[in-house]
Amino acid sequence: MKDMLGRDNVISASAALRLVINGIPEKTLRETRTAIGDALGLICSRDIFSAEALPPFARSTVDGYAVRAADTFGATETMPAYLDLSKEIFMGEEPDITLEKARACAIPTGGMLPSAADAVVMFEHVQRVDEKMIEVLKPVVPGENVVQPGEDVRAGDLLIHKGRRIRPQDIGACAGLGITEIAVYERLRVSIISTGDEIVPADEIPGNGRVRDINSYVIAGMITEAGHAPLRKGIFKDEYDGIRSAIGSAVTDSDLIVVSGGTSVGTKDMIAKIINDLGSPGVLFHGVSLKPGKPLIGGIIHGVPIFGLPGHPAAVSVCCEIFILPVLNALSGLIEKIPAHQRGIVKARLARNVSSVQGREEHIRATLEERPDGVWAVPVLGKSGLITTLVKADGTFVIPVNINGIEKGEYVDVRLF
């Protein structure tokens, strides 16, 4: 397939991604141990098993009265069951009584059931006769409103499997079982190299013809959000020796390299040459059937994947989502039940016709609007060099390679940022 600039090696985004992932040699991932409070977003490197049961005792799930269920059988509002009150149970204490027949104990949510009690009657289904007696208006069965010992987790159960990204609830489960430190893979290191004679740091006032660095911040944010460690290497002029030195240095201390700028055809198109000059196998593709992001370069230098991203912010965001994050997932040891690109998707009706050019996969930015007849996706149109189109958008939807567009009212899947 040729692109508008006459290149013959433009391929589909999915084929380009496979080239990179299949070309990365297998590596032993770096392991470390970390406190659970610092584990959020990291990948579990070893199966975690529970050494104890959770909960370790029978506990109430409601505020009410601990009872022997058999003492409530047949109870109704017109013919209640009468039970004498025993000692009240308080949170955090172990009851020192055995519940006798036809008796009940007031108990809070989470309280430990006394011996011989096997159910809890909710306060709403009880009336106090006096300080010593209650009447139960509704029967309970054994186990009702009670969490049994080990019902949540049994001793020896697999709690978290190797390859899972640690979530807040995973950390909570570990804490509940007294697991305060776990084995994880280290965060992947991603070097970000900005190139361009026109780029200046964000804290400088750009002169005429120059612009502040946007892309390294966008890339670093997406990498951090994915649980990895961005290494912003700085801004480099469009000079072969300086960029080659920066990339060569990054190969030695990075798991993945991202170069922003310098990928379009022109006199300063040198990123592909540098990748090929630095090591095998070099450039795997230069150009993809994707909008925005057509000039993308992908390659591998001595086992380290490298991407050369176009300079436009919208193209950077799309290329990071489609290429860099999936490659990081493949490198990180992550085992996904549901791929990331299939999560965070909202089905919405398109608010206006959107045309496309056959032969390329086009990613359209959109905002979501809640209307009386459902959720609508409103395209945010604008050139890929405009960062505000990303700020205004809630996500993107895709126009596939072989169709000319999507008509108003049709459903699209909007992938949320």
Protein backbone atom coordinates (compact mmCIF):
# COMPACT_ATOMS: atom_id res chain seq x y z
CA MET A 1 0.00 0.00 0.00
CA LYS A 2 1.33 3.48 -0.93
CA ASP A 3 0.58 6.59 1.08
CA MET A 4 0.17 10.14 -0.19
CA LEU A 5 3.92 10.62 -0.13
CA GLY A 6 4.59 7.56 -2.25
CA ARG A 7 5.94 5.24 0.45
CA ASP A 8 5.38 1.56 -0.22
CA ASN A 9 5.68 0.18 3.32
CA VAL A 10 2.62 1.75 4.96
CA ILE A 11 0.76 -1.00 6.83
CA SER A 12 -2.29 -1.31 9.05
CA ALA A 13 -2.05 -0.31 12.69
CA SER A 14 -2.79 -3.84 13.90
CA ALA A 15 -0.12 -5.36 11.63
CA ALA A 16 2.41 -2.76 12.75
CA LEU A 17 1.72 -3.48 16.42
CA ARG A 18 2.17 -7.22 15.84
CA LEU A 19 5.53 -6.61 14.17
CA VAL A 20 6.85 -4.87 17.26
CA ILE A 21 5.39 -7.22 19.88
CA ASN A 22 6.50 -10.33 17.99
CA GLY A 23 9.96 -8.87 17.46
CA ILE A 24 10.71 -8.19 21.12
CA PRO A 25 12.99 -10.93 22.55
CA GLU A 26 11.92 -12.62 25.77
CA LYS A 27 13.45 -11.06 28.84
CA THR A 28 13.51 -11.85 32.53
CA LEU A 29 11.45 -9.17 34.22
CA ARG A 30 12.93 -7.32 37.16
CA GLU A 31 11.28 -8.29 40.46
CA THR A 32 11.12 -6.44 43.73
CA ARG A 33 9.14 -6.50 46.94
CA THR A 34 7.04 -3.54 47.95
CA ALA A 35 4.72 -2.48 50.74
CA ILE A 36 1.09 -2.90 49.73
CA GLY A 37 0.54 0.83 50.19
CA ASP A 38 2.99 1.45 47.36
CA ALA A 39 1.79 -1.36 45.07
CA LEU A 40 -1.10 0.37 43.28
CA GLY A 41 -0.77 -0.08 39.51
CA LEU A 42 2.15 -2.51 39.72
CA ILE A 43 2.03 -6.04 38.29
CA CYS A 44 1.98 -8.93 40.76
CA SER A 45 4.97 -11.18 40.00
CA ARG A 46 4.01 -14.19 42.15
CA ASP A 47 0.73 -15.81 43.13
CA ILE A 48 -0.49 -14.58 46.51
CA PHE A 49 -2.19 -17.12 48.76
CA SER A 50 -4.08 -16.49 51.98
CA ALA A 51 -2.50 -17.89 55.12
CA GLU A 52 -5.72 -17.49 57.12
CA ALA A 53 -9.48 -17.32 56.83
CA LEU A 54 -11.40 -14.11 56.35
CA PRO A 55 -13.41 -13.41 58.37
CA PRO A 56 -11.90 -15.52 61.14
CA PHE A 57 -15.22 -15.63 63.01
CA ALA A 58 -18.96 -15.55 62.30
CA ARG A 59 -20.08 -11.93 62.13
CA SER A 60 -23.32 -10.06 61.65
CA THR A 61 -24.02 -8.23 58.37
CA VAL A 62 -26.75 -6.05 59.93
CA ASP A 63 -27.68 -4.24 63.10
CA GLY A 64 -30.08 -6.53 64.95
CA TYR A 65 -30.32 -9.42 67.37
CA ALA A 66 -28.26 -12.62 67.35
CA VAL A 67 -30.61 -15.59 67.78
CA ARG A 68 -31.04 -19.30 67.37
CA ALA A 69 -32.93 -19.40 64.08
CA ALA A 70 -35.19 -22.22 65.29
CA ASP A 71 -36.55 -19.92 68.00
CA THR A 72 -38.03 -17.62 65.31
CA PHE A 73 -39.71 -20.23 63.10
CA GLY A 74 -43.38 -19.38 62.50
CA ALA A 75 -43.10 -15.81 63.77
CA THR A 76 -45.48 -13.26 62.21
CA GLU A 77 -46.63 -9.75 63.00
CA THR A 78 -49.82 -11.12 64.48
CA MET A 79 -48.14 -14.04 66.27
CA PRO A 80 -44.58 -12.94 67.10
CA ALA A 81 -41.93 -15.06 68.78
CA TYR A 82 -40.96 -13.78 72.23
CA LEU A 83 -37.29 -13.91 73.21
CA ASP A 84 -35.56 -12.87 76.40
CA LEU A 85 -32.57 -10.56 76.08
CA SER A 86 -29.09 -11.60 77.08
CA LYS A 87 -25.92 -9.52 77.29
CA GLU A 88 -25.47 -6.96 74.48
CA ILE A 89 -22.55 -7.56 72.12
CA PHE A 90 -20.23 -4.68 71.23
CA MET A 91 -17.87 -4.17 68.28
CA GLY A 92 -14.40 -5.55 68.72
CA GLU A 93 -15.22 -7.85 71.60
CA GLU A 94 -15.45 -11.63 71.77
CA PRO A 95 -18.73 -12.70 73.44
CA ASP A 96 -18.15 -14.67 76.62
CA ILE A 97 -21.57 -16.34 76.60
CA THR A 98 -23.31 -19.23 74.92
CA LEU A 99 -26.71 -18.17 73.66
CA GLU A 100 -29.40 -20.15 75.38
CA LYS A 101 -32.67 -21.28 73.84
CA ALA A 102 -35.36 -18.57 73.44
CA ARG A 103 -32.86 -15.79 74.07
CA ALA A 104 -31.32 -13.04 71.91
CA CYS A 105 -28.40 -10.60 72.03
CA ALA A 106 -28.33 -7.12 70.51
CA ILE A 107 -25.49 -7.03 67.97
CA PRO A 108 -24.06 -4.36 65.62
CA THR A 109 -23.05 -4.81 61.99
CA GLY A 110 -19.71 -6.61 62.03
CA GLY A 111 -20.15 -7.90 65.55
CA MET A 112 -19.03 -11.43 66.48
CA LEU A 113 -21.85 -13.91 67.03
CA PRO A 114 -21.93 -15.62 70.43
CA SER A 115 -21.61 -19.36 70.60
CA ALA A 116 -24.80 -21.27 69.62
CA ALA A 117 -26.24 -18.27 67.71
CA ASP A 118 -26.71 -19.04 64.00
CA ALA A 119 -28.66 -16.05 62.59
CA VAL A 120 -29.41 -12.37 63.10
CA VAL A 121 -32.84 -10.72 63.04
CA MET A 122 -32.79 -7.17 61.70
CA PHE A 123 -33.90 -4.37 64.02
CA GLU A 124 -36.69 -3.56 61.55
CA HIS A 125 -38.30 -6.96 62.21
CA VAL A 126 -38.26 -6.67 66.00
CA GLN A 127 -40.25 -4.77 68.62
CA ARG A 128 -39.05 -4.19 72.15
CA VAL A 129 -41.54 -5.35 74.77
CA ASP A 130 -39.44 -3.98 77.63
CA GLU A 131 -35.81 -3.89 78.74
CA LYS A 132 -35.72 -7.68 79.06
CA MET A 133 -37.76 -8.99 76.14
CA ILE A 134 -38.32 -8.56 72.37
CA GLU A 135 -40.90 -9.87 69.98
CA VAL A 136 -39.70 -11.13 66.57
CA LEU A 137 -42.12 -10.33 63.76
CA LYS A 138 -40.40 -12.27 60.96
CA PRO A 139 -38.54 -15.59 61.06
CA VAL A 140 -34.92 -16.10 59.96
CA VAL A 141 -33.19 -19.22 58.71
CA PRO A 142 -29.80 -20.50 59.87
CA GLY A 143 -27.04 -18.32 58.40
CA GLU A 144 -29.33 -15.39 57.55
CA ASN A 145 -27.60 -12.00 57.94
CA VAL A 146 -24.38 -13.74 58.94
CA VAL A 147 -20.98 -14.04 57.26
CA GLN A 148 -19.50 -17.39 58.21
CA PRO A 149 -15.81 -17.94 59.07
CA GLY A 150 -13.85 -18.26 55.83
CA GLU A 151 -16.85 -17.28 53.68
CA ASP A 152 -14.83 -14.44 52.15
CA VAL A 153 -11.46 -16.18 51.94
CA ARG A 154 -10.39 -19.59 53.14
CA ALA A 155 -6.89 -20.41 54.34
CA GLY A 156 -4.87 -21.53 51.33
CA ASP A 157 -7.06 -19.77 48.73
CA LEU A 158 -5.41 -18.05 45.78
CA LEU A 159 -6.03 -14.37 46.46
CA ILE A 160 -4.23 -12.58 43.61
CA HIS A 161 -2.76 -14.33 40.59
CA LYS A 162 0.58 -13.58 39.02
CA GLY A 163 0.24 -11.04 36.22
CA ARG A 164 -2.60 -8.98 37.71
CA ARG A 165 -2.29 -5.21 37.92
CA ILE A 166 -2.78 -4.34 41.58
CA ARG A 167 -6.02 -2.44 42.25
CA PRO A 168 -7.26 -0.66 45.40
CA GLN A 169 -9.48 -3.62 46.31
CA ASP A 170 -6.53 -6.01 45.97
CA ILE A 171 -4.57 -3.89 48.43
CA GLY A 172 -7.55 -3.95 50.81
CA ALA A 173 -7.81 -7.74 50.64
CA CYS A 174 -4.10 -8.08 51.42
CA ALA A 175 -4.44 -5.73 54.37
CA GLY A 176 -7.40 -7.69 55.70
CA LEU A 177 -5.29 -10.85 55.70
CA GLY A 178 -2.21 -9.27 57.24
CA ILE A 179 -0.22 -9.36 53.99
CA THR A 180 1.75 -6.12 54.12
CA GLU A 181 4.41 -6.78 51.46
CA ILE A 182 4.13 -8.44 48.04
CA ALA A 183 6.35 -9.38 45.09
CA VAL A 184 5.86 -7.23 41.99
CA TYR A 185 7.57 -6.48 38.72
CA GLU A 186 9.43 -3.19 38.67
CA ARG A 187 7.87 -0.37 36.72
CA LEU A 188 9.08 -0.26 33.14
CA ARG A 189 11.37 2.66 32.28
CA VAL A 190 10.30 4.65 29.21
CA SER A 191 12.65 7.26 27.80
CA ILE A 192 11.00 10.25 26.13
CA ILE A 193 13.12 12.22 23.67
CA SER A 194 11.70 15.41 22.19
CA THR A 195 13.19 16.65 18.91
CA GLY A 196 12.78 19.76 16.81
CA ASP A 197 14.53 23.09 16.27
CA GLU A 198 11.24 24.81 17.03
CA ILE A 199 10.62 23.19 20.44
CA VAL A 200 11.39 25.07 23.67
CA PRO A 201 10.77 24.02 27.30
CA ALA A 202 7.34 24.67 28.78
CA ASP A 203 8.71 27.32 31.16
CA GLU A 204 10.16 29.47 28.35
CA ILE A 205 8.45 32.13 26.27
CA PRO A 206 8.72 30.92 22.66
CA GLY A 207 9.90 33.33 20.02
CA ASN A 208 8.38 33.58 16.57
CA GLY A 209 8.31 30.22 14.82
CA ARG A 210 8.80 28.28 18.06
CA VAL A 211 6.38 26.38 20.32
CA ARG A 212 6.50 25.02 23.84
CA ASP A 213 7.02 21.30 24.43
CA ILE A 214 3.61 19.66 24.79
CA ASN A 215 4.20 16.11 23.68
CA SER A 216 6.67 14.94 26.31
CA TYR A 217 4.16 15.89 29.01
CA VAL A 218 1.30 14.08 27.27
CA ILE A 219 3.43 10.95 26.77
CA ALA A 220 4.77 11.03 30.34
CA GLY A 221 1.25 11.39 31.74
CA MET A 222 -0.06 8.42 29.76
CA ILE A 223 2.92 6.29 30.81
CA THR A 224 2.51 7.23 34.46
CA GLU A 225 -1.23 6.53 34.31
CA ALA A 226 -0.39 3.07 32.92
CA GLY A 227 1.79 2.36 35.97
CA HIS A 228 5.24 2.85 34.48
CA ALA A 229 8.13 5.30 34.91
CA PRO A 230 8.67 8.01 32.29
CA LEU A 231 12.20 9.35 31.85
CA ARG A 232 12.04 12.72 30.09
CA LYS A 233 15.45 13.05 28.44
CA GLY A 234 15.05 16.61 27.18
CA ILE A 235 14.71 18.50 23.92
CA PHE A 236 17.20 17.91 21.09
CA LYS A 237 17.83 19.91 17.95
CA ASP A 238 17.29 18.28 14.57
CA GLU A 239 20.91 17.19 14.37
CA TYR A 240 21.98 13.63 13.69
CA ASP A 241 24.77 13.36 16.26
CA GLY A 242 22.77 14.81 19.16
CA ILE A 243 19.69 12.68 18.57
CA ARG A 244 21.75 9.56 17.95
CA SER A 245 23.63 10.09 21.20
CA ALA A 246 20.38 10.56 23.13
CA ILE A 247 18.79 7.42 21.66
CA GLY A 248 21.96 5.38 22.09
CA SER A 249 22.16 6.35 25.75
CA ALA A 250 18.48 5.55 26.27
CA VAL A 251 18.95 2.03 24.88
CA THR A 252 21.16 1.24 27.88
CA ASP A 253 18.73 2.36 30.60
CA SER A 254 15.25 1.97 29.12
CA ASP A 255 12.69 -0.74 28.45
CA LEU A 256 11.08 1.34 25.69
CA ILE A 257 12.00 4.57 23.88
CA VAL A 258 9.64 7.20 22.50
CA VAL A 259 10.93 9.92 20.17
CA SER A 260 8.58 12.81 19.47
CA GLY A 261 9.04 14.59 16.14
CA GLY A 262 11.28 13.99 13.14
CA THR A 263 9.22 11.25 11.47
CA SER A 264 7.79 13.02 8.43
CA VAL A 265 9.41 12.93 5.01
CA GLY A 266 11.74 15.90 4.54
CA THR A 267 15.28 17.10 4.84
CA LYS A 268 15.33 16.52 8.59
CA ASP A 269 13.80 13.05 8.51
CA MET A 270 16.60 11.23 10.29
CA ILE A 271 14.96 9.19 13.07
CA ALA A 272 14.58 6.09 10.88
CA LYS A 273 18.22 6.33 9.80
CA ILE A 274 19.39 6.64 13.40
CA ILE A 275 17.36 3.60 14.47
CA ASN A 276 18.84 1.53 11.67
CA ASP A 277 22.36 2.79 12.38
CA LEU A 278 22.19 1.99 16.11
CA GLY A 279 21.39 -1.72 15.93
CA SER A 280 19.50 -4.71 14.63
CA PRO A 281 16.79 -5.28 13.57
CA GLY A 282 16.22 -1.53 13.31
CA VAL A 283 13.13 -0.04 11.69
CA LEU A 284 10.22 -2.50 11.34
CA PHE A 285 7.81 -0.07 9.72
CA HIS A 286 7.68 3.60 8.72
CA GLY A 287 4.15 4.77 8.14
CA VAL A 288 0.80 3.28 9.13
CA SER A 289 -2.69 3.55 7.63
CA LEU A 290 -3.83 5.67 10.56
CA LYS A 291 -5.18 9.19 11.05
CA PRO A 292 -3.84 10.96 12.96
CA GLY A 293 -0.44 9.25 13.17
CA LYS A 294 0.41 8.17 9.62
CA PRO A 295 4.19 8.98 9.79
CA LEU A 296 4.72 6.73 12.84
CA ILE A 297 7.98 4.75 13.00
CA GLY A 298 8.35 1.50 14.91
CA GLY A 299 11.50 -0.48 15.45
CA ILE A 300 13.71 -2.41 17.85
CA ILE A 301 17.31 -1.62 18.84
CA HIS A 302 19.12 -4.50 20.55
CA GLY A 303 15.87 -5.79 22.05
CA VAL A 304 14.52 -2.37 23.10
CA PRO A 305 11.39 -1.25 21.20
CA ILE A 306 11.44 2.31 19.92
CA PHE A 307 8.73 4.48 18.43
CA GLY A 308 9.12 7.69 16.48
CA LEU A 309 5.91 9.69 16.95
CA PRO A 310 4.66 12.51 14.74
CA GLY A 311 4.84 15.95 16.27
CA HIS A 312 1.12 16.76 16.43
CA PRO A 313 -0.39 16.34 19.94
CA ALA A 314 -3.50 14.49 18.76
CA ALA A 315 -1.32 12.05 16.79
CA VAL A 316 0.86 11.54 19.86
CA SER A 317 -2.15 10.68 22.02
CA VAL A 318 -3.60 8.24 19.48
CA CYS A 319 -0.25 6.54 18.82
CA CYS A 320 0.43 6.17 22.54
CA GLU A 321 -2.97 4.54 23.05
CA ILE A 322 -2.71 2.18 20.06
CA PHE A 323 0.97 1.28 20.14
CA ILE A 324 2.96 2.29 23.20
CA LEU A 325 0.55 1.18 25.93
CA PRO A 326 -0.09 -2.28 24.38
CA VAL A 327 3.67 -2.83 24.00
CA LEU A 328 4.22 -1.82 27.62
CA ASN A 329 1.52 -4.29 28.66
CA ALA A 330 3.27 -7.03 26.68
CA LEU A 331 6.61 -6.18 28.31
CA SER A 332 5.29 -5.80 31.86
CA GLY A 333 4.14 -9.35 32.60
CA LEU A 334 0.49 -8.24 32.67
CA ILE A 335 -2.08 -10.98 32.08
CA GLU A 336 -5.38 -9.41 31.04
CA LYS A 337 -8.78 -11.09 31.02
CA ILE A 338 -10.16 -8.14 29.09
CA PRO A 339 -7.72 -6.13 26.94
CA ALA A 340 -7.42 -2.51 27.96
CA HIS A 341 -8.73 -1.28 24.61
CA GLN A 342 -12.03 -3.08 25.27
CA ARG A 343 -12.63 -1.40 28.61
CA GLY A 344 -13.89 2.10 29.26
CA ILE A 345 -16.09 2.09 26.17
CA VAL A 346 -19.41 3.94 25.91
CA LYS A 347 -21.82 3.15 23.08
CA ALA A 348 -23.31 6.37 21.74
CA ARG A 349 -25.17 7.67 18.69
CA LEU A 350 -23.22 9.92 16.35
CA ALA A 351 -24.47 13.51 16.39
CA ARG A 352 -23.40 14.38 12.83
CA ASN A 353 -22.11 12.76 9.65
CA VAL A 354 -18.36 12.11 9.66
CA SER A 355 -16.52 11.28 6.46
CA SER A 356 -13.23 9.43 6.07
CA VAL A 357 -10.82 8.27 3.40
CA GLN A 358 -10.74 4.55 2.64
CA GLY A 359 -7.45 2.85 3.29
CA ARG A 360 -6.71 4.25 6.72
CA GLU A 361 -8.05 3.79 10.24
CA GLU A 362 -9.23 7.15 11.51
CA HIS A 363 -9.60 8.06 15.18
CA ILE A 364 -12.09 10.86 15.78
CA ARG A 365 -12.21 12.82 19.02
CA ALA A 366 -15.65 13.27 20.57
CA THR A 367 -17.53 14.62 23.55
CA LEU A 368 -20.47 12.76 25.08
CA GLU A 369 -23.85 14.40 25.63
CA GLU A 370 -26.70 12.96 27.68
CA ARG A 371 -29.93 13.72 25.82
CA PRO A 372 -33.54 12.64 26.48
CA ASP A 373 -33.19 9.90 23.86
CA GLY A 374 -29.83 8.58 25.04
CA VAL A 375 -26.10 9.27 24.87
CA TRP A 376 -24.77 11.05 21.78
CA ALA A 377 -21.20 11.39 20.54
CA VAL A 378 -20.42 14.88 19.22
CA PRO A 379 -17.27 14.93 17.05
CA VAL A 380 -14.61 17.44 18.08
CA LEU A 381 -13.24 18.41 14.71
CA GLY A 382 -9.90 20.10 14.21
CA LYS A 383 -6.39 19.56 12.99
CA SER A 384 -4.22 17.02 14.80
CA GLY A 385 -1.84 19.79 15.84
CA LEU A 386 -4.45 21.34 18.16
CA ILE A 387 -4.07 20.22 21.79
CA THR A 388 -7.44 21.77 22.77
CA THR A 389 -9.32 19.20 20.71
CA LEU A 390 -8.00 16.59 23.14
CA VAL A 391 -8.83 18.72 26.17
CA LYS A 392 -12.42 19.19 25.01
CA ALA A 393 -12.93 15.52 24.08
CA ASP A 394 -14.08 12.73 26.37
CA GLY A 395 -12.62 10.01 24.15
CA THR A 396 -12.28 8.78 20.57
CA PHE A 397 -14.17 6.52 18.22
CA VAL A 398 -12.79 4.70 15.20
CA ILE A 399 -13.77 4.79 11.55
CA PRO A 400 -12.41 1.48 10.22
CA VAL A 401 -10.05 1.22 7.27
CA ASN A 402 -12.45 0.25 4.51
CA ILE A 403 -15.44 2.58 4.95
CA ASN A 404 -15.97 6.15 3.80
CA GLY A 405 -17.53 7.44 7.00
CA ILE A 406 -20.33 7.07 9.52
CA GLU A 407 -23.74 8.69 9.25
CA LYS A 408 -25.55 10.70 11.89
CA GLY A 409 -27.58 8.53 14.26
CA GLU A 410 -25.44 5.41 13.87
CA TYR A 411 -23.93 3.89 17.00
CA VAL A 412 -20.20 4.21 17.68
CA ASP A 413 -18.02 2.92 20.50
CA VAL A 414 -16.33 5.84 22.24
CA ARG A 415 -13.17 4.80 24.05
CA LEU A 416 -12.86 7.09 27.05
CA PHE A 417 -9.57 8.80 27.83
